[in-house]
Amino acid sequence: MHVIIVHGWKGSPDLAWFPWVISALKERGYTVEALRLPRSFTPDRWTWSRRVREVMERSNPEETIILAHSLGCPTTLFALRDYHGKPFRKIVFVSGFFRPFFVPFVHTWFFGARLDIAQLRNKALSWHVIHGEADPLVPYKRGRELADMLGVPLETICGGGHFTPREKCLELPEVLKAIMDS
């Protein structure tokens, strides 16, 4: 099984819980492709989604799980919008959203574009959405909205925030469980 990891704004595969989940997956025999998207402090939707789509297109979707965090979630959705291959085995979203909210940067990210989640549901055989109930960056209701649109339950981490290095979130067992559950 192969896992593609898509970090979010100001993120990298070297920060927060990513090194832990990468190590845990490799110990269990998974191959991991942790993307390092360009200019993570000033990301560009087109560049990021094109990069993610390129990785998607060269993977075996039946054996691939995509794990995305924060801005990596709409990035993945934009990449899926232009992806025309077979459905992926599973997609796991952490602290995700699919439309703009009160943060000006997020409005810019979506400028001139919409995501029709109903049309994207069939791009994966299984979806999983995890959100911290006390997320200070992406409102909890955005995670609920995403789960509802995908038709899946929202896994709430009580007291959980945005799962960042600043919060000292170095392990996230709920993510590993979501990936490994069939």
C-alpha atoms as a PDB file:
ATOM      1  CA  MET A   1       0.000   0.000   0.000  1.00  0.00           C
ATOM      2  CA  HIS A   2       1.228   3.495  -0.892  1.00  0.00           C
ATOM      3  CA  VAL A   3       0.445   6.742   0.980  1.00  0.00           C
ATOM      4  CA  ILE A   4       0.763  10.207  -0.545  1.00  0.00           C
ATOM      5  CA  ILE A   5       1.001  12.983   2.071  1.00  0.00           C
ATOM      6  CA  VAL A   6      -0.076  16.536   1.208  1.00  0.00           C
ATOM      7  CA  HIS A   7       0.853  19.145   3.832  1.00  0.00           C
ATOM      8  CA  GLY A   8      -0.835  22.490   4.309  1.00  0.00           C
ATOM      9  CA  TRP A   9       0.079  26.165   4.498  1.00  0.00           C
ATOM     10  CA  LYS A  10       3.463  26.756   6.180  1.00  0.00           C
ATOM     11  CA  GLY A  11       3.782  22.980   6.363  1.00  0.00           C
ATOM     12  CA  SER A  12       6.334  20.368   5.441  1.00  0.00           C
ATOM     13  CA  PRO A  13       6.715  16.613   5.891  1.00  0.00           C
ATOM     14  CA  ASP A  14       9.335  17.390   8.575  1.00  0.00           C
ATOM     15  CA  LEU A  15       6.931  19.161  10.947  1.00  0.00           C
ATOM     16  CA  ALA A  16       4.424  18.226  13.659  1.00  0.00           C
ATOM     17  CA  TRP A  17       3.005  14.703  13.458  1.00  0.00           C
ATOM     18  CA  PHE A  18       4.128  13.979   9.880  1.00  0.00           C
ATOM     19  CA  PRO A  19       7.520  12.402  10.805  1.00  0.00           C
ATOM     20  CA  TRP A  20       5.761  10.161  13.327  1.00  0.00           C
ATOM     21  CA  VAL A  21       3.075   8.962  10.895  1.00  0.00           C
ATOM     22  CA  ILE A  22       5.650   8.463   8.113  1.00  0.00           C
ATOM     23  CA  SER A  23       7.784   6.307  10.410  1.00  0.00           C
ATOM     24  CA  ALA A  24       4.766   4.352  11.719  1.00  0.00           C
ATOM     25  CA  LEU A  25       3.548   3.625   8.189  1.00  0.00           C
ATOM     26  CA  LYS A  26       6.972   2.496   6.961  1.00  0.00           C
ATOM     27  CA  GLU A  27       7.301   0.188   9.994  1.00  0.00           C
ATOM     28  CA  ARG A  28       4.041  -1.441   8.873  1.00  0.00           C
ATOM     29  CA  GLY A  29       5.253  -1.972   5.303  1.00  0.00           C
ATOM     30  CA  TYR A  30       3.624   1.015   3.579  1.00  0.00           C
ATOM     31  CA  THR A  31       5.522   3.088   1.054  1.00  0.00           C
ATOM     32  CA  VAL A  32       5.208   6.815   1.693  1.00  0.00           C
ATOM     33  CA  GLU A  33       5.551   9.766  -0.654  1.00  0.00           C
ATOM     34  CA  ALA A  34       5.541  12.893   1.505  1.00  0.00           C
ATOM     35  CA  LEU A  35       5.273  15.863  -0.834  1.00  0.00           C
ATOM     36  CA  ARG A  36       7.240  19.024  -0.203  1.00  0.00           C
ATOM     37  CA  LEU A  37       5.092  21.604  -1.960  1.00  0.00           C
ATOM     38  CA  PRO A  38       6.804  24.821  -3.124  1.00  0.00           C
ATOM     39  CA  ARG A  39       6.607  28.118  -1.269  1.00  0.00           C
ATOM     40  CA  SER A  40       4.616  26.785   1.661  1.00  0.00           C
ATOM     41  CA  PHE A  41       4.426  30.271   3.232  1.00  0.00           C
ATOM     42  CA  THR A  42       3.071  31.833   0.008  1.00  0.00           C
ATOM     43  CA  PRO A  43       1.460  28.920  -1.818  1.00  0.00           C
ATOM     44  CA  ASP A  44      -0.172  29.073  -5.202  1.00  0.00           C
ATOM     45  CA  ARG A  45      -3.326  26.968  -5.758  1.00  0.00           C
ATOM     46  CA  TRP A  46      -2.496  26.167  -9.386  1.00  0.00           C
ATOM     47  CA  THR A  47       1.087  25.107  -8.675  1.00  0.00           C
ATOM     48  CA  TRP A  48       0.155  23.015  -5.663  1.00  0.00           C
ATOM     49  CA  SER A  49      -2.843  21.274  -7.233  1.00  0.00           C
ATOM     50  CA  ARG A  50      -0.925  20.572 -10.453  1.00  0.00           C
ATOM     51  CA  ARG A  51       1.918  18.989  -8.443  1.00  0.00           C
ATOM     52  CA  VAL A  52      -0.502  16.817  -6.462  1.00  0.00           C
ATOM     53  CA  ARG A  53      -2.339  15.761  -9.644  1.00  0.00           C
ATOM     54  CA  GLU A  54       0.972  14.778 -11.288  1.00  0.00           C
ATOM     55  CA  VAL A  55       1.754  12.513  -8.339  1.00  0.00           C
ATOM     56  CA  MET A  56      -1.770  11.079  -8.460  1.00  0.00           C
ATOM     57  CA  GLU A  57      -1.491  10.316 -12.158  1.00  0.00           C
ATOM     58  CA  ARG A  58       1.666   8.242 -11.752  1.00  0.00           C
ATOM     59  CA  SER A  59       0.378   6.246  -8.797  1.00  0.00           C
ATOM     60  CA  ASN A  60      -1.682   3.067  -8.743  1.00  0.00           C
ATOM     61  CA  PRO A  61      -4.960   4.441  -7.339  1.00  0.00           C
ATOM     62  CA  GLU A  62      -6.235   1.039  -6.218  1.00  0.00           C
ATOM     63  CA  GLU A  63      -3.229   0.761  -3.891  1.00  0.00           C
ATOM     64  CA  THR A  64      -2.960   4.452  -2.941  1.00  0.00           C
ATOM     65  CA  ILE A  65      -4.205   6.356   0.089  1.00  0.00           C
ATOM     66  CA  ILE A  66      -3.991  10.148   0.126  1.00  0.00           C
ATOM     67  CA  LEU A  67      -3.505  11.905   3.466  1.00  0.00           C
ATOM     68  CA  ALA A  68      -3.945  15.692   3.474  1.00  0.00           C
ATOM     69  CA  HIS A  69      -3.833  18.326   6.199  1.00  0.00           C
ATOM     70  CA  SER A  70      -5.426  21.783   6.291  1.00  0.00           C
ATOM     71  CA  LEU A  71      -4.814  23.641   2.997  1.00  0.00           C
ATOM     72  CA  GLY A  72      -3.630  20.309   1.597  1.00  0.00           C
ATOM     73  CA  CYS A  73      -7.282  19.189   1.653  1.00  0.00           C
ATOM     74  CA  PRO A  74      -8.683  21.719  -0.846  1.00  0.00           C
ATOM     75  CA  THR A  75      -5.429  21.331  -2.791  1.00  0.00           C
ATOM     76  CA  THR A  76      -6.184  17.618  -3.061  1.00  0.00           C
ATOM     77  CA  LEU A  77      -9.786  18.358  -4.043  1.00  0.00           C
ATOM     78  CA  PHE A  78      -8.672  20.751  -6.801  1.00  0.00           C
ATOM     79  CA  ALA A  79      -6.224  18.085  -8.038  1.00  0.00           C
ATOM     80  CA  LEU A  80      -9.014  15.478  -7.999  1.00  0.00           C
ATOM     81  CA  ARG A  81     -11.277  17.806  -9.990  1.00  0.00           C
ATOM     82  CA  ASP A  82      -8.844  17.523 -12.914  1.00  0.00           C
ATOM     83  CA  TYR A  83      -7.922  13.860 -12.318  1.00  0.00           C
ATOM     84  CA  HIS A  84      -9.677  11.357 -14.604  1.00  0.00           C
ATOM     85  CA  GLY A  85      -8.216   8.029 -13.508  1.00  0.00           C
ATOM     86  CA  LYS A  86      -9.607   5.242 -11.368  1.00  0.00           C
ATOM     87  CA  PRO A  87     -10.758   6.046  -7.827  1.00  0.00           C
ATOM     88  CA  PHE A  88      -8.207   6.058  -5.017  1.00  0.00           C
ATOM     89  CA  ARG A  89      -8.430   3.458  -2.296  1.00  0.00           C
ATOM     90  CA  LYS A  90      -8.927   6.052   0.442  1.00  0.00           C
ATOM     91  CA  ILE A  91      -8.547   9.736   1.185  1.00  0.00           C
ATOM     92  CA  VAL A  92      -8.013  10.963   4.744  1.00  0.00           C
ATOM     93  CA  PHE A  93      -8.500  14.663   5.490  1.00  0.00           C
ATOM     94  CA  VAL A  94      -7.258  16.275   8.706  1.00  0.00           C
ATOM     95  CA  SER A  95      -8.401  19.806   9.631  1.00  0.00           C
ATOM     96  CA  GLY A  96      -9.878  20.144   6.165  1.00  0.00           C
ATOM     97  CA  PHE A  97     -12.308  22.399   4.355  1.00  0.00           C
ATOM     98  CA  PHE A  98     -13.600  22.871   0.809  1.00  0.00           C
ATOM     99  CA  ARG A  99     -14.728  26.480   0.598  1.00  0.00           C
ATOM    100  CA  PRO A 100     -13.464  29.829   1.846  1.00  0.00           C
ATOM    101  CA  PHE A 101     -14.059  31.193   5.327  1.00  0.00           C
ATOM    102  CA  PHE A 102     -13.104  34.332   7.245  1.00  0.00           C
ATOM    103  CA  VAL A 103      -9.319  34.127   6.687  1.00  0.00           C
ATOM    104  CA  PRO A 104      -8.374  36.521   3.813  1.00  0.00           C
ATOM    105  CA  PHE A 105      -5.658  34.184   2.514  1.00  0.00           C
ATOM    106  CA  VAL A 106      -8.214  31.384   2.159  1.00  0.00           C
ATOM    107  CA  HIS A 107     -10.519  33.663   0.124  1.00  0.00           C
ATOM    108  CA  THR A 108      -7.622  34.335  -2.247  1.00  0.00           C
ATOM    109  CA  TRP A 109      -6.949  30.594  -2.558  1.00  0.00           C
ATOM    110  CA  PHE A 110     -10.482  30.009  -3.858  1.00  0.00           C
ATOM    111  CA  PHE A 111     -10.686  33.141  -6.011  1.00  0.00           C
ATOM    112  CA  GLY A 112     -12.530  32.329  -9.237  1.00  0.00           C
ATOM    113  CA  ALA A 113     -13.026  28.655  -8.375  1.00  0.00           C
ATOM    114  CA  ARG A 114     -15.561  26.410  -6.699  1.00  0.00           C
ATOM    115  CA  LEU A 115     -15.444  22.796  -5.692  1.00  0.00           C
ATOM    116  CA  ASP A 116     -18.448  20.564  -6.281  1.00  0.00           C
ATOM    117  CA  ILE A 117     -17.894  17.922  -3.626  1.00  0.00           C
ATOM    118  CA  ALA A 118     -20.788  15.799  -4.909  1.00  0.00           C
ATOM    119  CA  GLN A 119     -18.914  15.357  -8.212  1.00  0.00           C
ATOM    120  CA  LEU A 120     -15.689  14.481  -6.390  1.00  0.00           C
ATOM    121  CA  ARG A 121     -17.082  11.815  -4.023  1.00  0.00           C
ATOM    122  CA  ASN A 122     -16.516   9.012  -6.531  1.00  0.00           C
ATOM    123  CA  LYS A 123     -12.803   9.859  -6.868  1.00  0.00           C
ATOM    124  CA  ALA A 124     -12.100   7.660  -3.825  1.00  0.00           C
ATOM    125  CA  LEU A 125     -13.584   4.388  -2.613  1.00  0.00           C
ATOM    126  CA  SER A 126     -13.450   5.599   0.973  1.00  0.00           C
ATOM    127  CA  TRP A 127     -13.176   8.979   2.723  1.00  0.00           C
ATOM    128  CA  HIS A 128     -12.251   9.840   6.293  1.00  0.00           C
ATOM    129  CA  VAL A 129     -12.458  13.307   7.886  1.00  0.00           C
ATOM    130  CA  ILE A 130     -10.754  14.164  11.201  1.00  0.00           C
ATOM    131  CA  HIS A 131     -11.044  17.552  12.911  1.00  0.00           C
ATOM    132  CA  GLY A 132     -10.124  19.017  16.285  1.00  0.00           C
ATOM    133  CA  GLU A 133     -13.067  20.514  18.127  1.00  0.00           C
ATOM    134  CA  ALA A 134     -10.917  23.450  19.256  1.00  0.00           C
ATOM    135  CA  ASP A 135      -9.171  24.139  15.936  1.00  0.00           C
ATOM    136  CA  PRO A 136      -8.111  27.818  16.038  1.00  0.00           C
ATOM    137  CA  LEU A 137      -7.405  28.060  12.284  1.00  0.00           C
ATOM    138  CA  VAL A 138     -10.029  26.037  10.424  1.00  0.00           C
ATOM    139  CA  PRO A 139     -13.404  26.301  12.176  1.00  0.00           C
ATOM    140  CA  TYR A 140     -14.825  23.001  13.386  1.00  0.00           C
ATOM    141  CA  LYS A 141     -18.006  23.665  11.400  1.00  0.00           C
ATOM    142  CA  ARG A 142     -15.927  23.606   8.171  1.00  0.00           C
ATOM    143  CA  GLY A 143     -14.752  20.090   9.022  1.00  0.00           C
ATOM    144  CA  ARG A 144     -18.347  19.074   9.778  1.00  0.00           C
ATOM    145  CA  GLU A 145     -19.460  20.572   6.456  1.00  0.00           C
ATOM    146  CA  LEU A 146     -16.752  18.652   4.566  1.00  0.00           C
ATOM    147  CA  ALA A 147     -17.698  15.339   6.211  1.00  0.00           C
ATOM    148  CA  ASP A 148     -21.391  15.958   5.549  1.00  0.00           C
ATOM    149  CA  MET A 149     -20.776  16.765   1.873  1.00  0.00           C
ATOM    150  CA  LEU A 150     -18.696  13.595   1.508  1.00  0.00           C
ATOM    151  CA  GLY A 151     -21.382  11.585   3.294  1.00  0.00           C
ATOM    152  CA  VAL A 152     -19.070  10.296   6.024  1.00  0.00           C
ATOM    153  CA  PRO A 153     -18.971  10.712   9.797  1.00  0.00           C
ATOM    154  CA  LEU A 154     -16.681  13.387  11.196  1.00  0.00           C
ATOM    155  CA  GLU A 155     -14.124  12.047  13.644  1.00  0.00           C
ATOM    156  CA  THR A 156     -13.835  14.712  16.302  1.00  0.00           C
ATOM    157  CA  ILE A 157     -10.746  14.912  18.465  1.00  0.00           C
ATOM    158  CA  CYS A 158     -11.977  16.423  21.720  1.00  0.00           C
ATOM    159  CA  GLY A 159      -9.789  19.320  22.767  1.00  0.00           C
ATOM    160  CA  GLY A 160      -7.804  18.941  19.547  1.00  0.00           C
ATOM    161  CA  GLY A 161      -6.547  22.009  17.733  1.00  0.00           C
ATOM    162  CA  HIS A 162      -5.058  22.312  14.267  1.00  0.00           C
ATOM    163  CA  PHE A 163      -2.387  19.682  14.994  1.00  0.00           C
ATOM    164  CA  THR A 164       0.608  21.953  14.362  1.00  0.00           C
ATOM    165  CA  PRO A 165       4.156  22.138  15.719  1.00  0.00           C
ATOM    166  CA  ARG A 166       3.157  25.215  17.725  1.00  0.00           C
ATOM    167  CA  GLU A 167       0.626  23.024  19.560  1.00  0.00           C
ATOM    168  CA  LYS A 168       3.363  20.417  20.035  1.00  0.00           C
ATOM    169  CA  CYS A 169       1.286  17.821  18.223  1.00  0.00           C
ATOM    170  CA  LEU A 170       3.962  15.235  17.490  1.00  0.00           C
ATOM    171  CA  GLU A 171       1.758  12.137  17.197  1.00  0.00           C
ATOM    172  CA  LEU A 172      -1.731  11.712  15.812  1.00  0.00           C
ATOM    173  CA  PRO A 173      -2.790   8.063  16.273  1.00  0.00           C
ATOM    174  CA  GLU A 174      -6.253   8.787  14.843  1.00  0.00           C
ATOM    175  CA  VAL A 175      -4.631   9.375  11.447  1.00  0.00           C
ATOM    176  CA  LEU A 176      -2.740   6.095  11.520  1.00  0.00           C
ATOM    177  CA  LYS A 177      -5.940   4.269  12.496  1.00  0.00           C
ATOM    178  CA  ALA A 178      -7.902   5.955   9.673  1.00  0.00           C
ATOM    179  CA  ILE A 179      -5.269   4.913   7.137  1.00  0.00           C
ATOM    180  CA  MET A 180      -5.064   1.332   8.350  1.00  0.00           C
ATOM    181  CA  ASP A 181      -8.803   0.710   8.755  1.00  0.00           C
ATOM    182  CA  SER A 182     -10.143  -1.114   5.732  1.00  0.00           C
END
